[in-house]
Amino acid sequence: MTNQLVFLNHPPLFWLIVVSAVILVGIAKAGFGGGLGVIATPLMSLVMPVADAAALLLPLLIVADLFSVRHYRNHYDSVNLRLLLPGALIGIALGAFFFDLFSDNERVLKMGVGFIALGFVLFQTTRPLVMENFVSKRPSPILGTLLGGLTGFTSTLAHVGGPPATIYLLPQNLPRQLFVGTLVILFMVVNLVKLVPYWYLGLLRWGNLTTTLLLLPAIYIGVKLGVWLNQNFNELWFNRLVYGLFFLTGLQLIIGQSVMGLFWRVMGW
C-alpha cells in the first residue's frame, strides 16, 4: 500500500471515477436508489489500492451517518442491535485481519472486493426469492450473530454490509421507521469501530484524510441530486443501470483487466 496518495498528480479519469463514486454515496443517503452507495469502494478500487479506497470513504460515511442518526436516534430496535453488533465486531476483526494478511497482495484484495460486488448484485437480483424463504419465520438469534459477522466483514473490506443485516431484519416486518433506524444506528457504530483497525493498519493517513475533506462537497451534491432524482426519475431503471455498472466493476476487479478490452479481444476487433 502507498505511504501517501498524491492525488493532484492523477489524470482526469481518476478524479471522474472517485468523484462519481462519492456522489453515488450521497444519492443513496438521500434515499434514492436503495443501497447503490455500496458501489463506491469497488468503483474506486479500479483506480487506486483497495485499502486506500476504503480509507477514503470511511470518514465520508461517518459524516453521512451522523446526519442520518439525528433523524433516527429514537427509532431503533435494541434487541436486534444486541444480536447483530457482537457478530459485527467479530466480522470487523476478521476483515481487518484479511486486510493485514494480504496487505502486500493487492490482487487478492481486489478479487475479494470484486466477489463482494458480484455477491451484492446477485442478492439484489434474487432478493424477492431470498426474502420469500426467510419471511415465513423469524430468524434465530444464532443466524443474527452470523449475519452480523458477515455484515462486519464485508463492511470492513468494501463498505458493503447492508445485505446480511437486511436479510435478518426484513422478515421481522418492523415498522419502516424502526427498520431504517436500526440499520442507521448499526452502521454508525460499525463505521466508528472500523476507525480502530483502519488506524492500526495505517490506512488513515494525512494524504487520504486531506482528500476526503476535498470530496465532502461531492457528498452534498449527491444528496441534493438524490432529492431531485426522487422527484423526477423512476428508481427501477436507475438501479438497473447502476447495478449493471456494479456487476462490470466487480468482474473487472476479479479478472484484473478491462472488461471491454477483453470483450474486444474475444470478438477479434
C-alpha atoms as a PDB file:
ATOM      1  CA  MET A   1       0.000   0.000   0.000  1.00  0.00           C
ATOM      2  CA  THR A   2       1.165   3.502  -0.696  1.00  0.00           C
ATOM      3  CA  ASN A   3       2.533   5.695   2.067  1.00  0.00           C
ATOM      4  CA  GLN A   4       0.694   8.748   0.805  1.00  0.00           C
ATOM      5  CA  LEU A   5      -1.535   9.455  -2.153  1.00  0.00           C
ATOM      6  CA  VAL A   6      -0.503  12.403  -4.318  1.00  0.00           C
ATOM      7  CA  PHE A   7      -3.941  12.894  -5.829  1.00  0.00           C
ATOM      8  CA  LEU A   8      -3.209  16.084  -7.705  1.00  0.00           C
ATOM      9  CA  ASN A   9      -0.898  14.121  -9.988  1.00  0.00           C
ATOM     10  CA  HIS A  10      -3.627  11.741 -11.102  1.00  0.00           C
ATOM     11  CA  PRO A  11      -5.292  12.040 -14.534  1.00  0.00           C
ATOM     12  CA  PRO A  12      -8.841  13.352 -15.057  1.00  0.00           C
ATOM     13  CA  LEU A  13     -10.236   9.795 -15.354  1.00  0.00           C
ATOM     14  CA  PHE A  14      -9.106   9.104 -11.785  1.00  0.00           C
ATOM     15  CA  TRP A  15     -10.960  12.128 -10.446  1.00  0.00           C
ATOM     16  CA  LEU A  16     -14.021  11.376 -12.585  1.00  0.00           C
ATOM     17  CA  ILE A  17     -14.344   7.896 -11.064  1.00  0.00           C
ATOM     18  CA  VAL A  18     -13.634   8.987  -7.476  1.00  0.00           C
ATOM     19  CA  VAL A  19     -15.994  11.983  -7.515  1.00  0.00           C
ATOM     20  CA  SER A  20     -18.719   9.937  -9.253  1.00  0.00           C
ATOM     21  CA  ALA A  21     -18.403   7.221  -6.602  1.00  0.00           C
ATOM     22  CA  VAL A  22     -18.764   9.726  -3.761  1.00  0.00           C
ATOM     23  CA  ILE A  23     -21.747  11.396  -5.444  1.00  0.00           C
ATOM     24  CA  LEU A  24     -23.430   7.975  -5.638  1.00  0.00           C
ATOM     25  CA  VAL A  25     -22.940   7.644  -1.869  1.00  0.00           C
ATOM     26  CA  GLY A  26     -24.686  10.999  -1.406  1.00  0.00           C
ATOM     27  CA  ILE A  27     -27.551   9.973  -3.717  1.00  0.00           C
ATOM     28  CA  ALA A  28     -28.048   6.805  -1.666  1.00  0.00           C
ATOM     29  CA  LYS A  29     -28.025   8.758   1.597  1.00  0.00           C
ATOM     30  CA  ALA A  30     -30.829  10.923   0.160  1.00  0.00           C
ATOM     31  CA  GLY A  31     -32.978   7.795  -0.075  1.00  0.00           C
ATOM     32  CA  PHE A  32     -32.786   7.270  -3.844  1.00  0.00           C
ATOM     33  CA  GLY A  33     -31.565   4.054  -5.412  1.00  0.00           C
ATOM     34  CA  GLY A  34     -31.644   1.927  -2.272  1.00  0.00           C
ATOM     35  CA  GLY A  35     -28.157   0.685  -1.463  1.00  0.00           C
ATOM     36  CA  LEU A  36     -26.419   1.979  -4.583  1.00  0.00           C
ATOM     37  CA  GLY A  37     -23.798   3.712  -2.425  1.00  0.00           C
ATOM     38  CA  VAL A  38     -22.138   0.305  -1.997  1.00  0.00           C
ATOM     39  CA  ILE A  39     -20.675   0.636  -5.491  1.00  0.00           C
ATOM     40  CA  ALA A  40     -18.279   3.339  -4.272  1.00  0.00           C
ATOM     41  CA  THR A  41     -15.435   1.181  -2.905  1.00  0.00           C
ATOM     42  CA  PRO A  42     -15.334  -1.293  -5.834  1.00  0.00           C
ATOM     43  CA  LEU A  43     -15.563   1.558  -8.340  1.00  0.00           C
ATOM     44  CA  MET A  44     -12.734   3.498  -6.696  1.00  0.00           C
ATOM     45  CA  SER A  45     -10.683   0.307  -6.441  1.00  0.00           C
ATOM     46  CA  LEU A  46     -10.396   0.392 -10.238  1.00  0.00           C
ATOM     47  CA  VAL A  47      -8.059   3.386  -9.983  1.00  0.00           C
ATOM     48  CA  MET A  48      -6.415   3.019  -6.556  1.00  0.00           C
ATOM     49  CA  PRO A  49      -5.484   0.338  -3.996  1.00  0.00           C
ATOM     50  CA  VAL A  50      -8.461  -1.233  -2.232  1.00  0.00           C
ATOM     51  CA  ALA A  51      -7.260  -0.140   1.210  1.00  0.00           C
ATOM     52  CA  ASP A  52      -6.947   3.488   0.094  1.00  0.00           C
ATOM     53  CA  ALA A  53     -10.422   3.425  -1.460  1.00  0.00           C
ATOM     54  CA  ALA A  54     -11.927   2.052   1.753  1.00  0.00           C
ATOM     55  CA  ALA A  55      -9.984   4.520   3.910  1.00  0.00           C
ATOM     56  CA  LEU A  56     -11.045   7.500   1.794  1.00  0.00           C
ATOM     57  CA  LEU A  57     -14.715   6.609   2.085  1.00  0.00           C
ATOM     58  CA  LEU A  58     -14.889   5.771   5.784  1.00  0.00           C
ATOM     59  CA  PRO A  59     -14.797   9.367   7.140  1.00  0.00           C
ATOM     60  CA  LEU A  60     -17.337  10.406   4.483  1.00  0.00           C
ATOM     61  CA  LEU A  61     -19.654   7.597   5.540  1.00  0.00           C
ATOM     62  CA  ILE A  62     -19.310   8.578   9.194  1.00  0.00           C
ATOM     63  CA  VAL A  63     -20.245  12.175   8.394  1.00  0.00           C
ATOM     64  CA  ALA A  64     -23.298  10.928   6.481  1.00  0.00           C
ATOM     65  CA  ASP A  65     -24.167   8.582   9.377  1.00  0.00           C
ATOM     66  CA  LEU A  66     -24.085  11.454  11.857  1.00  0.00           C
ATOM     67  CA  PHE A  67     -26.603  13.376   9.751  1.00  0.00           C
ATOM     68  CA  SER A  68     -28.837  10.314   9.435  1.00  0.00           C
ATOM     69  CA  VAL A  69     -28.736   9.359  13.104  1.00  0.00           C
ATOM     70  CA  ARG A  70     -30.213  12.733  14.052  1.00  0.00           C
ATOM     71  CA  HIS A  71     -33.485  11.622  12.454  1.00  0.00           C
ATOM     72  CA  TYR A  72     -33.492   8.067  13.831  1.00  0.00           C
ATOM     73  CA  ARG A  73     -31.866   8.320  17.256  1.00  0.00           C
ATOM     74  CA  ASN A  74     -35.171   7.471  18.942  1.00  0.00           C
ATOM     75  CA  HIS A  75     -36.279   4.855  16.394  1.00  0.00           C
ATOM     76  CA  TYR A  76     -34.384   1.587  16.582  1.00  0.00           C
ATOM     77  CA  ASP A  77     -34.830  -1.966  17.847  1.00  0.00           C
ATOM     78  CA  SER A  78     -32.426  -2.511  20.739  1.00  0.00           C
ATOM     79  CA  VAL A  79     -32.991  -6.300  20.779  1.00  0.00           C
ATOM     80  CA  ASN A  80     -31.856  -6.646  17.168  1.00  0.00           C
ATOM     81  CA  LEU A  81     -28.891  -4.365  17.751  1.00  0.00           C
ATOM     82  CA  ARG A  82     -27.773  -6.529  20.676  1.00  0.00           C
ATOM     83  CA  LEU A  83     -27.895  -9.582  18.402  1.00  0.00           C
ATOM     84  CA  LEU A  84     -26.214  -8.049  15.341  1.00  0.00           C
ATOM     85  CA  LEU A  85     -23.479  -5.952  16.937  1.00  0.00           C
ATOM     86  CA  PRO A  86     -21.396  -8.689  18.661  1.00  0.00           C
ATOM     87  CA  GLY A  87     -21.174 -10.614  15.389  1.00  0.00           C
ATOM     88  CA  ALA A  88     -20.414  -7.397  13.519  1.00  0.00           C
ATOM     89  CA  LEU A  89     -17.486  -6.661  15.851  1.00  0.00           C
ATOM     90  CA  ILE A  90     -16.070 -10.133  15.187  1.00  0.00           C
ATOM     91  CA  GLY A  91     -16.577  -9.581  11.458  1.00  0.00           C
ATOM     92  CA  ILE A  92     -14.717  -6.268  11.632  1.00  0.00           C
ATOM     93  CA  ALA A  93     -11.800  -8.014  13.325  1.00  0.00           C
ATOM     94  CA  LEU A  94     -11.762 -10.706  10.626  1.00  0.00           C
ATOM     95  CA  GLY A  95     -11.940  -8.073   7.893  1.00  0.00           C
ATOM     96  CA  ALA A  96      -9.001  -6.213   9.442  1.00  0.00           C
ATOM     97  CA  PHE A  97      -7.064  -9.500   9.617  1.00  0.00           C
ATOM     98  CA  PHE A  98      -7.805 -10.097   5.908  1.00  0.00           C
ATOM     99  CA  PHE A  99      -6.550  -6.594   5.075  1.00  0.00           C
ATOM    100  CA  ASP A 100      -3.388  -7.159   7.104  1.00  0.00           C
ATOM    101  CA  LEU A 101      -2.777 -10.676   5.758  1.00  0.00           C
ATOM    102  CA  PHE A 102      -2.961  -9.561   2.140  1.00  0.00           C
ATOM    103  CA  SER A 103      -1.642  -6.016   2.551  1.00  0.00           C
ATOM    104  CA  ASP A 104       1.173  -6.801   0.119  1.00  0.00           C
ATOM    105  CA  ASN A 105      -1.050  -8.670  -2.329  1.00  0.00           C
ATOM    106  CA  GLU A 106      -3.282  -6.091  -3.974  1.00  0.00           C
ATOM    107  CA  ARG A 107      -4.504  -8.668  -6.486  1.00  0.00           C
ATOM    108  CA  VAL A 108      -6.139 -10.752  -3.722  1.00  0.00           C
ATOM    109  CA  LEU A 109      -7.735  -7.660  -2.161  1.00  0.00           C
ATOM    110  CA  LYS A 110      -9.187  -6.544  -5.499  1.00  0.00           C
ATOM    111  CA  MET A 111     -10.534 -10.037  -6.154  1.00  0.00           C
ATOM    112  CA  GLY A 112     -12.090 -10.072  -2.675  1.00  0.00           C
ATOM    113  CA  VAL A 113     -13.856  -6.759  -3.298  1.00  0.00           C
ATOM    114  CA  GLY A 114     -14.868  -7.970  -6.767  1.00  0.00           C
ATOM    115  CA  PHE A 115     -16.532 -11.098  -5.365  1.00  0.00           C
ATOM    116  CA  ILE A 116     -18.323  -8.982  -2.733  1.00  0.00           C
ATOM    117  CA  ALA A 117     -19.584  -6.727  -5.544  1.00  0.00           C
ATOM    118  CA  LEU A 118     -20.881  -9.679  -7.567  1.00  0.00           C
ATOM    119  CA  GLY A 119     -22.436 -11.126  -4.418  1.00  0.00           C
ATOM    120  CA  PHE A 120     -24.312  -7.876  -3.854  1.00  0.00           C
ATOM    121  CA  VAL A 121     -25.626  -7.830  -7.433  1.00  0.00           C
ATOM    122  CA  LEU A 122     -26.702 -11.462  -7.038  1.00  0.00           C
ATOM    123  CA  PHE A 123     -28.512 -10.566  -3.816  1.00  0.00           C
ATOM    124  CA  GLN A 124     -30.321  -7.662  -5.480  1.00  0.00           C
ATOM    125  CA  THR A 125     -31.431  -9.744  -8.469  1.00  0.00           C
ATOM    126  CA  THR A 126     -32.624 -12.667  -6.342  1.00  0.00           C
ATOM    127  CA  ARG A 127     -33.861 -10.579  -3.424  1.00  0.00           C
ATOM    128  CA  PRO A 128     -37.574 -11.481  -3.750  1.00  0.00           C
ATOM    129  CA  LEU A 129     -36.725 -15.200  -3.744  1.00  0.00           C
ATOM    130  CA  VAL A 130     -34.272 -14.868  -0.857  1.00  0.00           C
ATOM    131  CA  MET A 131     -36.678 -12.890   1.272  1.00  0.00           C
ATOM    132  CA  GLU A 132     -39.557 -15.258   0.467  1.00  0.00           C
ATOM    133  CA  ASN A 133     -37.572 -18.096   2.046  1.00  0.00           C
ATOM    134  CA  PHE A 134     -36.949 -16.037   5.193  1.00  0.00           C
ATOM    135  CA  VAL A 135     -40.192 -14.131   5.600  1.00  0.00           C
ATOM    136  CA  SER A 136     -42.230 -17.096   6.846  1.00  0.00           C
ATOM    137  CA  LYS A 137     -40.334 -17.336  10.110  1.00  0.00           C
ATOM    138  CA  ARG A 138     -38.445 -15.055  12.459  1.00  0.00           C
ATOM    139  CA  PRO A 139     -34.681 -15.581  12.062  1.00  0.00           C
ATOM    140  CA  SER A 140     -32.971 -17.225  15.027  1.00  0.00           C
ATOM    141  CA  PRO A 141     -30.557 -15.311  17.316  1.00  0.00           C
ATOM    142  CA  ILE A 142     -27.716 -17.536  16.080  1.00  0.00           C
ATOM    143  CA  LEU A 143     -28.460 -16.516  12.490  1.00  0.00           C
ATOM    144  CA  GLY A 144     -28.483 -12.884  13.645  1.00  0.00           C
ATOM    145  CA  THR A 145     -24.992 -13.242  15.079  1.00  0.00           C
ATOM    146  CA  LEU A 146     -23.721 -14.968  11.913  1.00  0.00           C
ATOM    147  CA  LEU A 147     -25.263 -12.364   9.614  1.00  0.00           C
ATOM    148  CA  GLY A 148     -23.910  -9.653  11.900  1.00  0.00           C
ATOM    149  CA  GLY A 149     -20.447 -11.156  11.424  1.00  0.00           C
ATOM    150  CA  LEU A 150     -20.869 -11.140   7.650  1.00  0.00           C
ATOM    151  CA  THR A 151     -22.063  -7.538   7.877  1.00  0.00           C
ATOM    152  CA  GLY A 152     -18.929  -6.504   9.766  1.00  0.00           C
ATOM    153  CA  PHE A 153     -16.579  -8.409   7.441  1.00  0.00           C
ATOM    154  CA  THR A 154     -17.960  -7.113   4.126  1.00  0.00           C
ATOM    155  CA  SER A 155     -18.354  -3.624   5.560  1.00  0.00           C
ATOM    156  CA  THR A 156     -14.702  -3.553   6.635  1.00  0.00           C
ATOM    157  CA  LEU A 157     -13.421  -4.650   3.233  1.00  0.00           C
ATOM    158  CA  ALA A 158     -15.716  -2.731   0.934  1.00  0.00           C
ATOM    159  CA  HIS A 159     -18.376  -0.846   2.974  1.00  0.00           C
ATOM    160  CA  VAL A 160     -20.917  -3.372   1.611  1.00  0.00           C
ATOM    161  CA  GLY A 161     -22.567  -4.598   4.795  1.00  0.00           C
ATOM    162  CA  GLY A 162     -26.219  -3.905   4.077  1.00  0.00           C
ATOM    163  CA  PRO A 163     -27.487  -7.178   2.555  1.00  0.00           C
ATOM    164  CA  PRO A 164     -26.710  -9.521   5.508  1.00  0.00           C
ATOM    165  CA  ALA A 165     -28.315  -7.157   8.008  1.00  0.00           C
ATOM    166  CA  THR A 166     -31.299  -6.654   5.691  1.00  0.00           C
ATOM    167  CA  ILE A 167     -31.797 -10.415   5.353  1.00  0.00           C
ATOM    168  CA  TYR A 168     -32.060 -10.634   9.133  1.00  0.00           C
ATOM    169  CA  LEU A 169     -34.284  -7.606   9.732  1.00  0.00           C
ATOM    170  CA  LEU A 170     -36.779  -7.675   6.841  1.00  0.00           C
ATOM    171  CA  PRO A 171     -38.609 -10.906   7.807  1.00  0.00           C
ATOM    172  CA  GLN A 172     -39.466  -9.358  11.172  1.00  0.00           C
ATOM    173  CA  ASN A 173     -41.828  -6.866   9.498  1.00  0.00           C
ATOM    174  CA  LEU A 174     -40.612  -3.975  11.621  1.00  0.00           C
ATOM    175  CA  PRO A 175     -42.275  -0.586  11.066  1.00  0.00           C
ATOM    176  CA  ARG A 176     -40.339   1.330   8.400  1.00  0.00           C
ATOM    177  CA  GLN A 177     -39.007   3.934  10.845  1.00  0.00           C
ATOM    178  CA  LEU A 178     -37.797   1.215  13.185  1.00  0.00           C
ATOM    179  CA  PHE A 179     -36.247  -0.825  10.357  1.00  0.00           C
ATOM    180  CA  VAL A 180     -34.362   2.101   8.842  1.00  0.00           C
ATOM    181  CA  GLY A 181     -33.374   3.465  12.247  1.00  0.00           C
ATOM    182  CA  THR A 182     -31.952   0.114  13.347  1.00  0.00           C
ATOM    183  CA  LEU A 183     -29.786  -0.042  10.208  1.00  0.00           C
ATOM    184  CA  VAL A 184     -28.680   3.573  10.659  1.00  0.00           C
ATOM    185  CA  ILE A 185     -27.604   3.015  14.270  1.00  0.00           C
ATOM    186  CA  LEU A 186     -25.989  -0.330  13.393  1.00  0.00           C
ATOM    187  CA  PHE A 187     -23.812   1.141  10.651  1.00  0.00           C
ATOM    188  CA  MET A 188     -22.977   4.250  12.613  1.00  0.00           C
ATOM    189  CA  VAL A 189     -21.500   2.003  15.330  1.00  0.00           C
ATOM    190  CA  VAL A 190     -19.854  -0.311  12.777  1.00  0.00           C
ATOM    191  CA  ASN A 191     -18.248   2.584  10.889  1.00  0.00           C
ATOM    192  CA  LEU A 192     -16.999   4.218  14.086  1.00  0.00           C
ATOM    193  CA  VAL A 193     -15.492   0.925  15.288  1.00  0.00           C
ATOM    194  CA  LYS A 194     -13.808   0.460  11.897  1.00  0.00           C
ATOM    195  CA  LEU A 195     -11.726   3.552  12.639  1.00  0.00           C
ATOM    196  CA  VAL A 196      -9.720   1.463  15.142  1.00  0.00           C
ATOM    197  CA  PRO A 197      -8.450  -1.261  12.758  1.00  0.00           C
ATOM    198  CA  TYR A 198      -8.061   1.267   9.928  1.00  0.00           C
ATOM    199  CA  TRP A 199      -5.859   3.388  12.180  1.00  0.00           C
ATOM    200  CA  TYR A 200      -3.938   0.341  13.453  1.00  0.00           C
ATOM    201  CA  LEU A 201      -3.280  -0.808   9.881  1.00  0.00           C
ATOM    202  CA  GLY A 202      -2.037   2.647   8.908  1.00  0.00           C
ATOM    203  CA  LEU A 203      -4.836   3.365   6.458  1.00  0.00           C
ATOM    204  CA  LEU A 204      -5.897   6.731   7.943  1.00  0.00           C
ATOM    205  CA  ARG A 205      -3.039   8.768   6.524  1.00  0.00           C
ATOM    206  CA  TRP A 206      -2.964  12.529   6.045  1.00  0.00           C
ATOM    207  CA  GLY A 207      -2.845  12.074   2.272  1.00  0.00           C
ATOM    208  CA  ASN A 208      -6.149  10.200   2.473  1.00  0.00           C
ATOM    209  CA  LEU A 209      -7.816  12.447   5.037  1.00  0.00           C
ATOM    210  CA  THR A 210      -6.953  15.640   3.176  1.00  0.00           C
ATOM    211  CA  THR A 211      -8.501  14.247   0.015  1.00  0.00           C
ATOM    212  CA  THR A 212     -11.549  13.131   1.986  1.00  0.00           C
ATOM    213  CA  LEU A 213     -12.107  16.752   3.013  1.00  0.00           C
ATOM    214  CA  LEU A 214     -11.833  17.803  -0.626  1.00  0.00           C
ATOM    215  CA  LEU A 215     -14.504  15.250  -1.510  1.00  0.00           C
ATOM    216  CA  LEU A 216     -17.022  16.380   1.142  1.00  0.00           C
ATOM    217  CA  PRO A 217     -18.778  18.748  -1.314  1.00  0.00           C
ATOM    218  CA  ALA A 218     -19.415  15.746  -3.579  1.00  0.00           C
ATOM    219  CA  ILE A 219     -21.466  14.151  -0.767  1.00  0.00           C
ATOM    220  CA  TYR A 220     -23.553  17.336  -0.531  1.00  0.00           C
ATOM    221  CA  ILE A 221     -24.025  17.416  -4.322  1.00  0.00           C
ATOM    222  CA  GLY A 222     -25.037  13.764  -4.254  1.00  0.00           C
ATOM    223  CA  VAL A 223     -27.641  14.332  -1.538  1.00  0.00           C
ATOM    224  CA  LYS A 224     -29.157  17.251  -3.469  1.00  0.00           C
ATOM    225  CA  LEU A 225     -29.114  15.207  -6.679  1.00  0.00           C
ATOM    226  CA  GLY A 226     -30.742  12.287  -4.846  1.00  0.00           C
ATOM    227  CA  VAL A 227     -33.595  14.521  -3.667  1.00  0.00           C
ATOM    228  CA  TRP A 228     -34.108  15.739  -7.243  1.00  0.00           C
ATOM    229  CA  LEU A 229     -33.983  12.205  -8.666  1.00  0.00           C
ATOM    230  CA  ASN A 230     -36.580  11.111  -6.095  1.00  0.00           C
ATOM    231  CA  GLN A 231     -38.968  13.671  -7.530  1.00  0.00           C
ATOM    232  CA  ASN A 232     -38.252  13.226 -11.229  1.00  0.00           C
ATOM    233  CA  PHE A 233     -36.954   9.737 -12.069  1.00  0.00           C
ATOM    234  CA  ASN A 234     -38.014   6.092 -11.942  1.00  0.00           C
ATOM    235  CA  GLU A 235     -35.789   4.401  -9.373  1.00  0.00           C
ATOM    236  CA  LEU A 236     -36.150   0.968 -11.016  1.00  0.00           C
ATOM    237  CA  TRP A 237     -34.332   1.813 -14.239  1.00  0.00           C
ATOM    238  CA  PHE A 238     -31.736   3.906 -12.438  1.00  0.00           C
ATOM    239  CA  ASN A 239     -30.989   0.937 -10.171  1.00  0.00           C
ATOM    240  CA  ARG A 240     -30.698  -1.418 -13.131  1.00  0.00           C
ATOM    241  CA  LEU A 241     -28.168   0.896 -14.750  1.00  0.00           C
ATOM    242  CA  VAL A 242     -26.096   1.270 -11.586  1.00  0.00           C
ATOM    243  CA  TYR A 243     -26.181  -2.433 -10.706  1.00  0.00           C
ATOM    244  CA  GLY A 244     -25.159  -3.268 -14.263  1.00  0.00           C
ATOM    245  CA  LEU A 245     -22.169  -0.990 -13.773  1.00  0.00           C
ATOM    246  CA  PHE A 246     -21.575  -2.611 -10.375  1.00  0.00           C
ATOM    247  CA  PHE A 247     -21.515  -6.076 -11.993  1.00  0.00           C
ATOM    248  CA  LEU A 248     -18.991  -4.980 -14.632  1.00  0.00           C
ATOM    249  CA  THR A 249     -16.870  -3.306 -11.946  1.00  0.00           C
ATOM    250  CA  GLY A 250     -16.803  -6.459  -9.808  1.00  0.00           C
ATOM    251  CA  LEU A 251     -15.981  -8.607 -12.848  1.00  0.00           C
ATOM    252  CA  GLN A 252     -13.131  -6.293 -13.835  1.00  0.00           C
ATOM    253  CA  LEU A 253     -11.660  -6.403 -10.324  1.00  0.00           C
ATOM    254  CA  ILE A 254     -11.752 -10.214 -10.382  1.00  0.00           C
ATOM    255  CA  ILE A 255     -10.203 -10.760 -13.816  1.00  0.00           C
ATOM    256  CA  GLY A 256      -7.716  -7.922 -13.379  1.00  0.00           C
ATOM    257  CA  GLN A 257      -8.234  -6.320 -16.763  1.00  0.00           C
ATOM    258  CA  SER A 258     -10.677  -4.138 -18.636  1.00  0.00           C
ATOM    259  CA  VAL A 259     -13.925  -5.969 -19.329  1.00  0.00           C
ATOM    260  CA  MET A 260     -14.454  -4.003 -22.543  1.00  0.00           C
ATOM    261  CA  GLY A 261     -10.874  -4.625 -23.671  1.00  0.00           C
ATOM    262  CA  LEU A 262     -11.308  -8.352 -23.039  1.00  0.00           C
ATOM    263  CA  PHE A 263     -14.589  -8.316 -24.981  1.00  0.00           C
ATOM    264  CA  TRP A 264     -12.942  -6.657 -27.985  1.00  0.00           C
ATOM    265  CA  ARG A 265     -10.135  -9.232 -27.955  1.00  0.00           C
ATOM    266  CA  VAL A 266     -12.552 -12.150 -27.727  1.00  0.00           C
ATOM    267  CA  MET A 267     -14.548 -10.737 -30.629  1.00  0.00           C
ATOM    268  CA  GLY A 268     -11.327 -10.204 -32.593  1.00  0.00           C
ATOM    269  CA  TRP A 269     -11.957  -6.497 -33.031  1.00  0.00           C
END
